[in-house]
Amino acid sequence: MGPILEKPSNPSRTLVLGLLMNCRFAACTKKCPLRKLHNDLSIEEKHEYALGLSDEEVNNILVRHELCYEKRLSDLNHW
């Protein structure tokens, strides 16, 4: 089995891998820590990147994502 077929070690890491693929919104913000990686890395490189993150880095990315997601939803609801 090649490295791309290995399963990420936990659901949080899987979510980070999904966020590396693209933003849930049409475009991510300039403050997004994953923004540059969306286009610069191949799928294989994104997988390796997600697997190489420490648990703390994974948690930090997910916390920032949740805050951004909530803010953007709130902004949409203020129309």
N, C-alpha and C. Protein backbone atom coordinates (compact mmCIF):
# COMPACT_ATOMS: atom_id res chain seq x y z
N MET A 1 0.85 -1.17 0.00
CA MET A 1 0.00 0.00 0.00
C MET A 1 0.90 1.25 0.00
N GLY A 2 0.65 2.17 -0.91
CA GLY A 2 1.44 3.38 -1.00
C GLY A 2 1.08 4.35 0.11
N PRO A 3 1.93 5.34 0.34
CA PRO A 3 1.69 6.28 1.44
C PRO A 3 0.39 7.06 1.31
N ILE A 4 -0.08 7.33 0.11
CA ILE A 4 -1.32 8.11 -0.05
C ILE A 4 -2.52 7.32 0.44
N LEU A 5 -2.40 5.99 0.49
CA LEU A 5 -3.52 5.16 0.91
C LEU A 5 -3.55 4.92 2.42
N GLU A 6 -2.51 5.35 3.12
CA GLU A 6 -2.50 5.20 4.56
C GLU A 6 -3.55 6.13 5.17
N LYS A 7 -4.23 5.64 6.18
CA LYS A 7 -5.26 6.45 6.82
C LYS A 7 -4.62 7.43 7.79
N PRO A 8 -5.13 8.66 7.82
CA PRO A 8 -4.66 9.60 8.86
C PRO A 8 -4.93 9.00 10.23
N SER A 9 -4.16 9.40 11.22
CA SER A 9 -4.20 8.77 12.53
C SER A 9 -5.44 9.10 13.36
N ASN A 10 -6.15 10.18 13.04
CA ASN A 10 -7.34 10.50 13.82
C ASN A 10 -8.29 11.37 12.98
N PRO A 11 -9.54 11.46 13.42
CA PRO A 11 -10.52 12.25 12.66
C PRO A 11 -10.14 13.72 12.51
N SER A 12 -9.48 14.30 13.50
CA SER A 12 -9.08 15.70 13.41
C SER A 12 -8.09 15.91 12.27
N ARG A 13 -7.16 14.98 12.13
CA ARG A 13 -6.17 15.07 11.06
C ARG A 13 -6.86 14.91 9.70
N THR A 14 -7.89 14.09 9.64
CA THR A 14 -8.66 13.92 8.41
C THR A 14 -9.35 15.23 8.04
N LEU A 15 -9.89 15.91 9.03
CA LEU A 15 -10.53 17.21 8.78
C LEU A 15 -9.52 18.22 8.26
N VAL A 16 -8.32 18.25 8.84
CA VAL A 16 -7.27 19.16 8.36
C VAL A 16 -6.94 18.83 6.91
N LEU A 17 -6.86 17.56 6.57
CA LEU A 17 -6.59 17.17 5.19
C LEU A 17 -7.69 17.71 4.27
N GLY A 18 -8.94 17.60 4.69
CA GLY A 18 -10.04 18.16 3.90
C GLY A 18 -9.93 19.67 3.75
N LEU A 19 -9.54 20.34 4.83
CA LEU A 19 -9.37 21.80 4.77
C LEU A 19 -8.21 22.18 3.87
N LEU A 20 -7.21 21.31 3.76
CA LEU A 20 -6.09 21.56 2.85
C LEU A 20 -6.55 21.49 1.39
N MET A 21 -7.58 20.70 1.13
CA MET A 21 -8.08 20.57 -0.24
C MET A 21 -8.75 21.85 -0.70
N ASN A 22 -9.61 22.41 0.16
CA ASN A 22 -10.24 23.70 -0.16
C ASN A 22 -11.03 24.23 1.01
N CYS A 23 -11.38 25.48 0.91
CA CYS A 23 -12.17 26.15 1.94
C CYS A 23 -13.64 25.81 1.72
N ARG A 24 -14.41 25.79 2.79
CA ARG A 24 -15.85 25.54 2.67
C ARG A 24 -16.58 26.70 2.00
N PHE A 25 -15.96 27.87 2.05
CA PHE A 25 -16.52 29.03 1.38
C PHE A 25 -15.91 29.14 -0.01
N ALA A 26 -16.43 29.99 -0.84
CA ALA A 26 -15.93 30.13 -2.21
C ALA A 26 -14.45 30.47 -2.24
N ALA A 27 -14.00 31.26 -1.29
CA ALA A 27 -12.58 31.62 -1.20
C ALA A 27 -12.22 31.77 0.27
N CYS A 28 -11.01 31.38 0.60
CA CYS A 28 -10.60 31.52 2.00
C CYS A 28 -10.07 32.93 2.24
N THR A 29 -10.02 33.30 3.49
CA THR A 29 -9.55 34.64 3.85
C THR A 29 -8.03 34.73 3.73
N LYS A 30 -7.54 35.94 3.68
CA LYS A 30 -6.09 36.15 3.61
C LYS A 30 -5.39 35.70 4.89
N LYS A 31 -6.12 35.61 5.99
CA LYS A 31 -5.53 35.20 7.26
C LYS A 31 -5.49 33.69 7.45
N CYS A 32 -6.07 32.94 6.53
CA CYS A 32 -6.12 31.49 6.66
C CYS A 32 -4.72 30.89 6.58
N PRO A 33 -4.33 30.09 7.59
CA PRO A 33 -2.99 29.50 7.56
C PRO A 33 -2.82 28.44 6.47
N LEU A 34 -3.91 27.98 5.90
CA LEU A 34 -3.83 26.94 4.87
C LEU A 34 -3.97 27.50 3.45
N ARG A 35 -4.22 28.78 3.33
CA ARG A 35 -4.52 29.40 2.04
C ARG A 35 -3.47 29.09 0.97
N LYS A 36 -2.22 29.34 1.27
CA LYS A 36 -1.16 29.14 0.29
C LYS A 36 -1.02 27.66 -0.08
N LEU A 37 -1.28 26.79 0.88
CA LEU A 37 -1.12 25.35 0.65
C LEU A 37 -2.19 24.77 -0.27
N HIS A 38 -3.36 25.41 -0.34
CA HIS A 38 -4.44 24.90 -1.19
C HIS A 38 -3.96 24.68 -2.62
N ASN A 39 -3.22 25.64 -3.15
CA ASN A 39 -2.80 25.56 -4.55
C ASN A 39 -1.36 25.10 -4.75
N ASP A 40 -0.54 25.26 -3.70
CA ASP A 40 0.89 24.97 -3.86
C ASP A 40 1.25 23.50 -3.71
N LEU A 41 0.42 22.72 -3.05
CA LEU A 41 0.76 21.32 -2.79
C LEU A 41 -0.11 20.38 -3.61
N SER A 42 0.50 19.27 -4.04
CA SER A 42 -0.27 18.20 -4.69
C SER A 42 -1.08 17.47 -3.62
N ILE A 43 -1.97 16.61 -4.03
CA ILE A 43 -2.75 15.84 -3.07
C ILE A 43 -1.83 15.01 -2.17
N GLU A 44 -0.83 14.40 -2.78
CA GLU A 44 0.11 13.60 -2.00
C GLU A 44 0.86 14.45 -0.97
N GLU A 45 1.27 15.65 -1.38
CA GLU A 45 1.98 16.55 -0.47
C GLU A 45 1.06 17.04 0.65
N LYS A 46 -0.20 17.27 0.34
CA LYS A 46 -1.16 17.67 1.37
C LYS A 46 -1.33 16.56 2.39
N HIS A 47 -1.41 15.33 1.92
CA HIS A 47 -1.54 14.17 2.80
C HIS A 47 -0.32 14.07 3.71
N GLU A 48 0.86 14.18 3.15
CA GLU A 48 2.09 14.12 3.93
C GLU A 48 2.16 15.27 4.94
N TYR A 49 1.75 16.45 4.51
CA TYR A 49 1.75 17.62 5.39
C TYR A 49 0.84 17.36 6.59
N ALA A 50 -0.39 16.89 6.33
CA ALA A 50 -1.35 16.63 7.41
C ALA A 50 -0.81 15.58 8.37
N LEU A 51 -0.20 14.54 7.85
CA LEU A 51 0.35 13.49 8.71
C LEU A 51 1.55 13.99 9.51
N GLY A 52 2.27 14.96 8.99
CA GLY A 52 3.47 15.47 9.65
C GLY A 52 3.20 16.50 10.74
N LEU A 53 1.97 16.99 10.83
CA LEU A 53 1.63 17.98 11.85
C LEU A 53 1.59 17.34 13.24
N SER A 54 2.01 18.09 14.22
CA SER A 54 1.88 17.62 15.61
C SER A 54 0.40 17.73 16.01
N ASP A 55 0.03 17.04 17.07
CA ASP A 55 -1.35 17.13 17.56
C ASP A 55 -1.70 18.57 17.92
N GLU A 56 -0.74 19.29 18.47
CA GLU A 56 -0.98 20.70 18.83
C GLU A 56 -1.22 21.55 17.59
N GLU A 57 -0.44 21.32 16.53
CA GLU A 57 -0.63 22.07 15.28
C GLU A 57 -2.00 21.76 14.68
N VAL A 58 -2.40 20.49 14.70
CA VAL A 58 -3.72 20.11 14.20
C VAL A 58 -4.80 20.84 14.99
N ASN A 59 -4.68 20.83 16.31
CA ASN A 59 -5.67 21.50 17.15
C ASN A 59 -5.72 22.99 16.86
N ASN A 60 -4.56 23.63 16.73
CA ASN A 60 -4.51 25.07 16.44
C ASN A 60 -5.19 25.40 15.11
N ILE A 61 -4.95 24.60 14.09
CA ILE A 61 -5.59 24.82 12.78
C ILE A 61 -7.10 24.68 12.91
N LEU A 62 -7.56 23.67 13.63
CA LEU A 62 -9.00 23.45 13.77
C LEU A 62 -9.67 24.55 14.59
N VAL A 63 -8.99 25.04 15.61
CA VAL A 63 -9.55 26.14 16.40
C VAL A 63 -9.68 27.39 15.53
N ARG A 64 -8.63 27.71 14.78
CA ARG A 64 -8.68 28.89 13.90
C ARG A 64 -9.78 28.72 12.84
N HIS A 65 -9.90 27.50 12.30
CA HIS A 65 -10.93 27.24 11.30
C HIS A 65 -12.32 27.45 11.89
N GLU A 66 -12.56 26.93 13.08
CA GLU A 66 -13.87 27.05 13.71
C GLU A 66 -14.23 28.52 13.95
N LEU A 67 -13.27 29.29 14.45
CA LEU A 67 -13.53 30.72 14.69
C LEU A 67 -13.82 31.45 13.38
N CYS A 68 -13.04 31.16 12.36
CA CYS A 68 -13.24 31.80 11.05
C CYS A 68 -14.60 31.40 10.48
N TYR A 69 -14.91 30.12 10.55
CA TYR A 69 -16.17 29.60 10.02
C TYR A 69 -17.36 30.27 10.71
N GLU A 70 -17.32 30.36 12.03
CA GLU A 70 -18.41 31.00 12.76
C GLU A 70 -18.55 32.48 12.40
N LYS A 71 -17.41 33.17 12.27
CA LYS A 71 -17.45 34.59 11.91
C LYS A 71 -18.03 34.78 10.52
N ARG A 72 -17.61 33.94 9.60
CA ARG A 72 -18.10 34.10 8.22
C ARG A 72 -19.59 33.76 8.12
N LEU A 73 -20.04 32.78 8.86
CA LEU A 73 -21.48 32.48 8.89
C LEU A 73 -22.25 33.64 9.50
N SER A 74 -21.71 34.20 10.56
CA SER A 74 -22.34 35.35 11.21
C SER A 74 -22.42 36.53 10.26
N ASP A 75 -21.33 36.78 9.53
CA ASP A 75 -21.32 37.87 8.55
C ASP A 75 -22.37 37.66 7.46
N LEU A 76 -22.55 36.41 7.04
CA LEU A 76 -23.55 36.12 6.01
C LEU A 76 -24.96 36.38 6.53
N ASN A 77 -25.18 36.12 7.81
CA ASN A 77 -26.51 36.29 8.40
C ASN A 77 -26.85 37.74 8.70
N HIS A 78 -25.89 38.64 8.56
CA HIS A 78 -26.16 40.06 8.82
C HIS A 78 -26.63 40.81 7.59
N TRP A 79 -26.88 40.12 6.52
CA TRP A 79 -27.33 40.79 5.29
C TRP A 79 -28.71 41.30 5.48
